[in-house]
Amino acid sequence: MWEIRYELRAEVPGTFHGLPVLAHAMYVPEIRANGAEVRLEVLDTKPDAEKRLRRAVVGGGK
C-alpha cells in the first residue's frame, strides 16, 4: 500500500474543502486510488514567533 502525505499552510481564515482524489498510474492502469473530500476550518490566531521562525530540512539532511 502506498501513501502520499503533504502539509498545508493556512494563509487566510475561513472554511475550506478539498475535492476527492482520483489517481492512476500512467503506465500501469491497474494501480488506482480514490480519496474522500476533506473539509476544514482555519481560525484566526496570533502568530507564535517561535513557530514562525522554525525551519524544516527536507531530504538529504545530515
N, C-alpha and C. Protein backbone atom coordinates (compact mmCIF):
# COMPACT_ATOMS: atom_id res chain seq x y z
N MET A 1 0.84 -1.17 0.00
CA MET A 1 0.00 0.00 0.00
C MET A 1 0.89 1.24 0.00
N TRP A 2 0.55 2.23 -0.83
CA TRP A 2 1.28 3.49 -0.92
C TRP A 2 0.49 4.57 -0.21
N GLU A 3 1.20 5.54 0.31
CA GLU A 3 0.55 6.65 0.99
C GLU A 3 1.27 7.93 0.62
N ILE A 4 0.53 8.95 0.27
CA ILE A 4 1.10 10.26 -0.05
C ILE A 4 0.61 11.24 0.99
N ARG A 5 1.54 11.96 1.59
CA ARG A 5 1.18 12.96 2.60
C ARG A 5 1.76 14.31 2.20
N TYR A 6 1.10 15.36 2.62
CA TYR A 6 1.63 16.70 2.38
C TYR A 6 1.12 17.62 3.47
N GLU A 7 1.84 18.70 3.69
CA GLU A 7 1.47 19.68 4.71
C GLU A 7 0.83 20.89 4.04
N LEU A 8 -0.10 21.50 4.76
CA LEU A 8 -0.76 22.70 4.28
C LEU A 8 -0.38 23.87 5.18
N ARG A 9 -0.31 25.03 4.62
CA ARG A 9 -0.09 26.24 5.41
C ARG A 9 -1.25 27.18 5.16
N ALA A 10 -1.95 27.53 6.21
CA ALA A 10 -3.11 28.41 6.09
C ALA A 10 -2.65 29.84 5.81
N GLU A 11 -3.25 30.47 4.84
CA GLU A 11 -2.95 31.86 4.50
C GLU A 11 -4.03 32.81 5.05
N VAL A 12 -5.28 32.38 5.01
CA VAL A 12 -6.38 33.20 5.48
C VAL A 12 -7.36 32.32 6.27
N PRO A 13 -8.03 32.90 7.26
CA PRO A 13 -9.03 32.12 7.99
C PRO A 13 -10.27 31.89 7.13
N GLY A 14 -11.00 30.83 7.46
CA GLY A 14 -12.22 30.53 6.73
C GLY A 14 -12.52 29.04 6.73
N THR A 15 -13.56 28.65 6.01
CA THR A 15 -13.94 27.25 5.87
C THR A 15 -13.62 26.82 4.44
N PHE A 16 -12.92 25.70 4.32
CA PHE A 16 -12.45 25.25 3.01
C PHE A 16 -12.75 23.77 2.82
N HIS A 17 -12.71 23.33 1.59
CA HIS A 17 -12.83 21.90 1.32
C HIS A 17 -11.98 21.54 0.11
N GLY A 18 -11.43 20.34 0.19
CA GLY A 18 -10.64 19.81 -0.91
C GLY A 18 -11.43 18.72 -1.60
N LEU A 19 -11.42 18.73 -2.90
CA LEU A 19 -12.20 17.74 -3.66
C LEU A 19 -11.61 16.34 -3.48
N PRO A 20 -12.41 15.31 -3.68
CA PRO A 20 -11.91 13.93 -3.57
C PRO A 20 -10.81 13.66 -4.59
N VAL A 21 -9.87 12.83 -4.19
CA VAL A 21 -8.74 12.48 -5.05
C VAL A 21 -9.10 11.29 -5.93
N LEU A 22 -8.72 11.37 -7.19
CA LEU A 22 -8.83 10.25 -8.11
C LEU A 22 -7.50 10.19 -8.84
N ALA A 23 -6.75 9.09 -8.66
CA ALA A 23 -5.43 8.98 -9.25
C ALA A 23 -5.25 7.62 -9.91
N HIS A 24 -4.34 7.58 -10.87
CA HIS A 24 -4.00 6.30 -11.50
C HIS A 24 -2.58 6.40 -12.06
N ALA A 25 -1.92 5.25 -12.14
CA ALA A 25 -0.56 5.21 -12.69
C ALA A 25 -0.66 5.27 -14.21
N MET A 26 0.14 6.11 -14.83
CA MET A 26 0.05 6.31 -16.26
C MET A 26 0.32 5.04 -17.06
N TYR A 27 1.33 4.29 -16.66
CA TYR A 27 1.71 3.12 -17.45
C TYR A 27 1.25 1.79 -16.84
N VAL A 28 0.61 1.84 -15.67
CA VAL A 28 0.09 0.62 -15.04
C VAL A 28 -1.35 0.91 -14.60
N PRO A 29 -2.31 0.77 -15.50
CA PRO A 29 -3.69 1.17 -15.20
C PRO A 29 -4.33 0.39 -14.05
N GLU A 30 -3.73 -0.74 -13.65
CA GLU A 30 -4.29 -1.49 -12.53
C GLU A 30 -4.08 -0.77 -11.20
N ILE A 31 -3.13 0.15 -11.15
CA ILE A 31 -2.86 0.90 -9.92
C ILE A 31 -3.72 2.15 -9.93
N ARG A 32 -4.68 2.20 -9.00
CA ARG A 32 -5.60 3.34 -8.90
C ARG A 32 -5.78 3.73 -7.45
N ALA A 33 -6.26 4.91 -7.23
CA ALA A 33 -6.51 5.38 -5.87
C ALA A 33 -7.71 6.31 -5.86
N ASN A 34 -8.46 6.25 -4.78
CA ASN A 34 -9.60 7.14 -4.54
C ASN A 34 -9.45 7.72 -3.15
N GLY A 35 -9.92 8.93 -2.94
CA GLY A 35 -9.88 9.55 -1.63
C GLY A 35 -11.20 10.24 -1.34
N ALA A 36 -11.34 10.66 -0.11
CA ALA A 36 -12.57 11.33 0.32
C ALA A 36 -12.38 12.85 0.28
N GLU A 37 -13.48 13.56 0.22
CA GLU A 37 -13.44 15.02 0.30
C GLU A 37 -12.98 15.41 1.70
N VAL A 38 -12.22 16.49 1.80
CA VAL A 38 -11.73 16.97 3.08
C VAL A 38 -12.31 18.36 3.33
N ARG A 39 -12.86 18.55 4.51
CA ARG A 39 -13.36 19.87 4.92
C ARG A 39 -12.62 20.30 6.16
N LEU A 40 -12.21 21.58 6.20
CA LEU A 40 -11.51 22.07 7.38
C LEU A 40 -11.83 23.53 7.61
N GLU A 41 -11.63 23.95 8.85
CA GLU A 41 -11.87 25.34 9.23
C GLU A 41 -10.57 25.92 9.77
N VAL A 42 -10.17 27.06 9.24
CA VAL A 42 -8.96 27.75 9.67
C VAL A 42 -9.39 28.92 10.54
N LEU A 43 -8.88 28.95 11.77
CA LEU A 43 -9.21 30.02 12.71
C LEU A 43 -8.12 31.06 12.71
N ASP A 44 -8.47 32.31 12.96
CA ASP A 44 -7.52 33.41 13.01
C ASP A 44 -6.96 33.50 14.43
N THR A 45 -5.64 33.33 14.58
CA THR A 45 -4.99 33.43 15.89
C THR A 45 -3.74 34.28 15.76
N LYS A 46 -3.20 34.71 16.89
CA LYS A 46 -1.95 35.48 16.87
C LYS A 46 -0.81 34.54 16.50
N PRO A 47 0.13 35.00 15.66
CA PRO A 47 1.27 34.15 15.30
C PRO A 47 2.20 33.94 16.48
N ASP A 48 2.75 32.75 16.59
CA ASP A 48 3.72 32.40 17.62
C ASP A 48 5.11 32.58 17.00
N ALA A 49 5.88 33.55 17.53
CA ALA A 49 7.18 33.87 16.93
C ALA A 49 8.08 32.64 16.85
N GLU A 50 8.08 31.79 17.86
CA GLU A 50 8.94 30.61 17.86
C GLU A 50 8.59 29.67 16.71
N LYS A 51 7.32 29.43 16.49
CA LYS A 51 6.90 28.54 15.41
C LYS A 51 7.12 29.18 14.04
N ARG A 52 6.97 30.50 13.95
CA ARG A 52 7.12 31.19 12.67
C ARG A 52 8.55 31.13 12.17
N LEU A 53 9.52 31.12 13.08
CA LEU A 53 10.91 31.12 12.69
C LEU A 53 11.52 29.74 12.53
N ARG A 54 10.80 28.70 12.86
CA ARG A 54 11.32 27.34 12.75
C ARG A 54 11.38 26.92 11.29
N ARG A 55 12.45 26.30 10.88
CA ARG A 55 12.63 25.85 9.52
C ARG A 55 12.76 24.33 9.49
N ALA A 56 12.39 23.73 8.39
CA ALA A 56 12.47 22.27 8.24
C ALA A 56 13.50 21.92 7.17
N VAL A 57 14.19 20.81 7.38
CA VAL A 57 15.11 20.29 6.38
C VAL A 57 14.40 19.18 5.65
N VAL A 58 14.37 19.26 4.33
CA VAL A 58 13.68 18.27 3.52
C VAL A 58 14.70 17.48 2.71
N GLY A 59 14.79 16.20 2.98
CA GLY A 59 15.67 15.30 2.23
C GLY A 59 17.15 15.71 2.27
N GLY A 60 18.01 14.73 2.20
CA GLY A 60 19.44 14.96 2.10
C GLY A 60 20.08 15.64 3.30
N GLY A 61 19.33 15.81 4.39
CA GLY A 61 19.90 16.44 5.58
C GLY A 61 20.88 15.52 6.28
N LYS A 62 21.91 16.08 6.89
CA LYS A 62 22.91 15.26 7.60
C LYS A 62 22.71 15.32 9.07
